[in-house]
Amino acid sequence: MLIDNGGTIVENKLYRIRKGKIIAGVCGGIAKYFGIDTKIVRLLCVALIAAYGSGLLVYIAFALFVPKEPR
């Protein structure tokens, strides 16, 4: 949960982004969820895929099971 500037509690959910995505919107959704730059998440994802290969499996799982961002 997050609290916005007005003091209202806002629930932070993980979604795949619709706007600004490159493949499935997973990295953008993770970046938005944690409040960090999308480029950092994308670089980490590429590094995990290159180093271990298991990053690709994790990415595919997120693409299949994390819902798209509501419109």
N, C-alpha and C. Protein backbone atom coordinates (compact mmCIF):
# COMPACT_ATOMS: atom_id res chain seq x y z
N MET A 1 0.83 -1.19 0.00
CA MET A 1 0.00 0.00 0.00
C MET A 1 0.87 1.24 0.00
N LEU A 2 0.40 2.26 -0.66
CA LEU A 2 1.08 3.54 -0.71
C LEU A 2 0.13 4.62 -0.21
N ILE A 3 0.68 5.69 0.25
CA ILE A 3 -0.11 6.84 0.67
C ILE A 3 0.26 8.00 -0.24
N ASP A 4 -0.74 8.55 -0.94
CA ASP A 4 -0.45 9.66 -1.85
C ASP A 4 -0.34 10.97 -1.09
N ASN A 5 -0.12 12.06 -1.79
CA ASN A 5 0.09 13.37 -1.16
C ASN A 5 -1.11 13.85 -0.36
N GLY A 6 -2.30 13.41 -0.72
CA GLY A 6 -3.50 13.82 -0.01
C GLY A 6 -3.77 12.98 1.23
N GLY A 7 -2.92 12.00 1.50
CA GLY A 7 -3.10 11.14 2.67
C GLY A 7 -4.00 9.95 2.40
N THR A 8 -4.40 9.77 1.15
CA THR A 8 -5.26 8.66 0.79
C THR A 8 -4.41 7.41 0.57
N ILE A 9 -4.90 6.28 1.07
CA ILE A 9 -4.20 5.02 0.86
C ILE A 9 -4.52 4.50 -0.53
N VAL A 10 -3.46 4.23 -1.31
CA VAL A 10 -3.60 3.74 -2.67
C VAL A 10 -2.94 2.37 -2.74
N GLU A 11 -3.68 1.39 -3.23
CA GLU A 11 -3.12 0.05 -3.34
C GLU A 11 -2.28 -0.05 -4.60
N ASN A 12 -1.04 -0.49 -4.44
CA ASN A 12 -0.10 -0.62 -5.54
C ASN A 12 -0.12 -2.06 -6.03
N LYS A 13 -0.57 -2.28 -7.28
CA LYS A 13 -0.64 -3.63 -7.83
C LYS A 13 0.31 -3.75 -9.01
N LEU A 14 0.77 -4.97 -9.23
CA LEU A 14 1.67 -5.24 -10.34
C LEU A 14 0.85 -5.54 -11.59
N TYR A 15 1.09 -4.74 -12.63
CA TYR A 15 0.44 -4.92 -13.92
C TYR A 15 1.50 -4.85 -15.01
N ARG A 16 1.19 -5.44 -16.17
CA ARG A 16 2.00 -5.20 -17.36
C ARG A 16 1.50 -3.91 -17.97
N ILE A 17 2.42 -3.01 -18.31
CA ILE A 17 2.01 -1.72 -18.86
C ILE A 17 1.53 -1.87 -20.29
N ARG A 18 0.68 -0.95 -20.70
CA ARG A 18 0.15 -0.94 -22.06
C ARG A 18 0.91 0.06 -22.93
N LYS A 19 1.28 1.19 -22.35
CA LYS A 19 1.91 2.26 -23.11
C LYS A 19 3.41 2.29 -22.82
N GLY A 20 4.23 2.28 -23.85
CA GLY A 20 5.66 2.33 -23.68
C GLY A 20 6.33 0.97 -23.54
N LYS A 21 5.59 -0.08 -23.84
CA LYS A 21 6.16 -1.42 -23.71
C LYS A 21 7.01 -1.74 -24.93
N ILE A 22 7.94 -2.68 -24.74
CA ILE A 22 8.76 -3.13 -25.86
C ILE A 22 8.30 -4.50 -26.34
N ILE A 23 8.18 -5.46 -25.43
CA ILE A 23 7.72 -6.80 -25.82
C ILE A 23 6.34 -7.06 -25.21
N ALA A 24 6.28 -7.30 -23.92
CA ALA A 24 5.01 -7.62 -23.28
C ALA A 24 4.65 -6.65 -22.16
N GLY A 25 5.52 -5.69 -21.86
CA GLY A 25 5.23 -4.72 -20.82
C GLY A 25 5.60 -5.16 -19.42
N VAL A 26 6.31 -6.27 -19.30
CA VAL A 26 6.66 -6.81 -17.98
C VAL A 26 7.65 -5.90 -17.26
N CYS A 27 8.74 -5.55 -17.92
CA CYS A 27 9.77 -4.72 -17.28
C CYS A 27 9.22 -3.35 -16.90
N GLY A 28 8.41 -2.78 -17.77
CA GLY A 28 7.79 -1.49 -17.46
C GLY A 28 6.85 -1.58 -16.28
N GLY A 29 6.11 -2.68 -16.18
CA GLY A 29 5.22 -2.88 -15.05
C GLY A 29 5.96 -3.05 -13.74
N ILE A 30 7.08 -3.80 -13.78
CA ILE A 30 7.89 -3.97 -12.58
C ILE A 30 8.50 -2.64 -12.15
N ALA A 31 8.99 -1.87 -13.13
CA ALA A 31 9.57 -0.56 -12.82
C ALA A 31 8.53 0.37 -12.21
N LYS A 32 7.34 0.37 -12.74
CA LYS A 32 6.26 1.21 -12.21
C LYS A 32 5.87 0.78 -10.80
N TYR A 33 5.82 -0.52 -10.56
CA TYR A 33 5.45 -1.05 -9.26
C TYR A 33 6.45 -0.62 -8.18
N PHE A 34 7.74 -0.70 -8.50
CA PHE A 34 8.77 -0.35 -7.52
C PHE A 34 9.18 1.11 -7.58
N GLY A 35 8.68 1.87 -8.55
CA GLY A 35 8.99 3.29 -8.66
C GLY A 35 10.41 3.58 -9.09
N ILE A 36 10.95 2.75 -9.99
CA ILE A 36 12.30 2.96 -10.50
C ILE A 36 12.27 3.13 -12.01
N ASP A 37 13.40 3.50 -12.58
CA ASP A 37 13.49 3.73 -14.02
C ASP A 37 13.36 2.42 -14.79
N THR A 38 12.61 2.45 -15.88
CA THR A 38 12.38 1.27 -16.70
C THR A 38 13.67 0.73 -17.29
N LYS A 39 14.59 1.63 -17.64
CA LYS A 39 15.86 1.19 -18.24
C LYS A 39 16.65 0.29 -17.30
N ILE A 40 16.61 0.57 -16.02
CA ILE A 40 17.33 -0.25 -15.03
C ILE A 40 16.75 -1.66 -15.00
N VAL A 41 15.44 -1.76 -14.97
CA VAL A 41 14.79 -3.08 -14.93
C VAL A 41 15.07 -3.84 -16.21
N ARG A 42 15.04 -3.16 -17.34
CA ARG A 42 15.32 -3.83 -18.61
C ARG A 42 16.76 -4.33 -18.67
N LEU A 43 17.70 -3.53 -18.19
CA LEU A 43 19.10 -3.97 -18.16
C LEU A 43 19.29 -5.17 -17.24
N LEU A 44 18.65 -5.16 -16.10
CA LEU A 44 18.72 -6.30 -15.18
C LEU A 44 18.12 -7.55 -15.81
N CYS A 45 17.03 -7.39 -16.51
CA CYS A 45 16.38 -8.52 -17.17
C CYS A 45 17.29 -9.11 -18.24
N VAL A 46 17.90 -8.25 -19.05
CA VAL A 46 18.82 -8.73 -20.09
C VAL A 46 20.03 -9.42 -19.47
N ALA A 47 20.53 -8.85 -18.37
CA ALA A 47 21.68 -9.45 -17.69
C ALA A 47 21.33 -10.83 -17.14
N LEU A 48 20.15 -10.98 -16.55
CA LEU A 48 19.73 -12.29 -16.04
C LEU A 48 19.54 -13.30 -17.16
N ILE A 49 19.00 -12.86 -18.27
CA ILE A 49 18.82 -13.77 -19.40
C ILE A 49 20.18 -14.19 -19.96
N ALA A 50 21.11 -13.24 -20.08
CA ALA A 50 22.43 -13.54 -20.63
C ALA A 50 23.26 -14.41 -19.69
N ALA A 51 23.15 -14.16 -18.39
CA ALA A 51 24.00 -14.87 -17.42
C ALA A 51 23.48 -16.27 -17.11
N TYR A 52 22.20 -16.40 -16.90
CA TYR A 52 21.66 -17.66 -16.42
C TYR A 52 20.67 -18.32 -17.37
N GLY A 53 20.03 -17.55 -18.21
CA GLY A 53 19.00 -18.10 -19.07
C GLY A 53 17.66 -18.27 -18.39
N SER A 54 17.68 -18.36 -17.07
CA SER A 54 16.43 -18.52 -16.33
C SER A 54 15.62 -17.23 -16.31
N GLY A 55 16.26 -16.11 -16.58
CA GLY A 55 15.55 -14.85 -16.65
C GLY A 55 14.48 -14.86 -17.73
N LEU A 56 14.75 -15.60 -18.81
CA LEU A 56 13.77 -15.70 -19.88
C LEU A 56 12.53 -16.46 -19.42
N LEU A 57 12.73 -17.50 -18.65
CA LEU A 57 11.59 -18.25 -18.11
C LEU A 57 10.76 -17.39 -17.16
N VAL A 58 11.43 -16.61 -16.35
CA VAL A 58 10.73 -15.71 -15.41
C VAL A 58 9.95 -14.66 -16.20
N TYR A 59 10.57 -14.10 -17.24
CA TYR A 59 9.90 -13.10 -18.06
C TYR A 59 8.65 -13.68 -18.71
N ILE A 60 8.76 -14.88 -19.26
CA ILE A 60 7.61 -15.52 -19.91
C ILE A 60 6.51 -15.80 -18.89
N ALA A 61 6.89 -16.24 -17.70
CA ALA A 61 5.88 -16.49 -16.65
C ALA A 61 5.16 -15.20 -16.27
N PHE A 62 5.91 -14.11 -16.13
CA PHE A 62 5.27 -12.83 -15.81
C PHE A 62 4.35 -12.40 -16.95
N ALA A 63 4.78 -12.59 -18.20
CA ALA A 63 3.97 -12.19 -19.34
C ALA A 63 2.67 -12.99 -19.40
N LEU A 64 2.71 -14.22 -18.93
CA LEU A 64 1.51 -15.05 -18.97
C LEU A 64 0.57 -14.81 -17.79
N PHE A 65 1.12 -14.55 -16.61
CA PHE A 65 0.29 -14.55 -15.40
C PHE A 65 0.01 -13.17 -14.79
N VAL A 66 0.78 -12.16 -15.16
CA VAL A 66 0.52 -10.82 -14.62
C VAL A 66 -0.47 -10.13 -15.56
N PRO A 67 -1.56 -9.61 -15.02
CA PRO A 67 -2.58 -9.01 -15.88
C PRO A 67 -2.11 -7.68 -16.48
N LYS A 68 -2.75 -7.32 -17.61
CA LYS A 68 -2.46 -6.03 -18.23
C LYS A 68 -3.03 -4.91 -17.38
N GLU A 69 -2.42 -3.77 -17.49
CA GLU A 69 -2.85 -2.57 -16.78
C GLU A 69 -4.27 -2.19 -17.23
N PRO A 70 -5.16 -1.86 -16.28
CA PRO A 70 -6.51 -1.43 -16.69
C PRO A 70 -6.46 -0.12 -17.48
N ARG A 71 -7.41 0.06 -18.36
CA ARG A 71 -7.42 1.27 -19.20
C ARG A 71 -7.88 2.47 -18.46
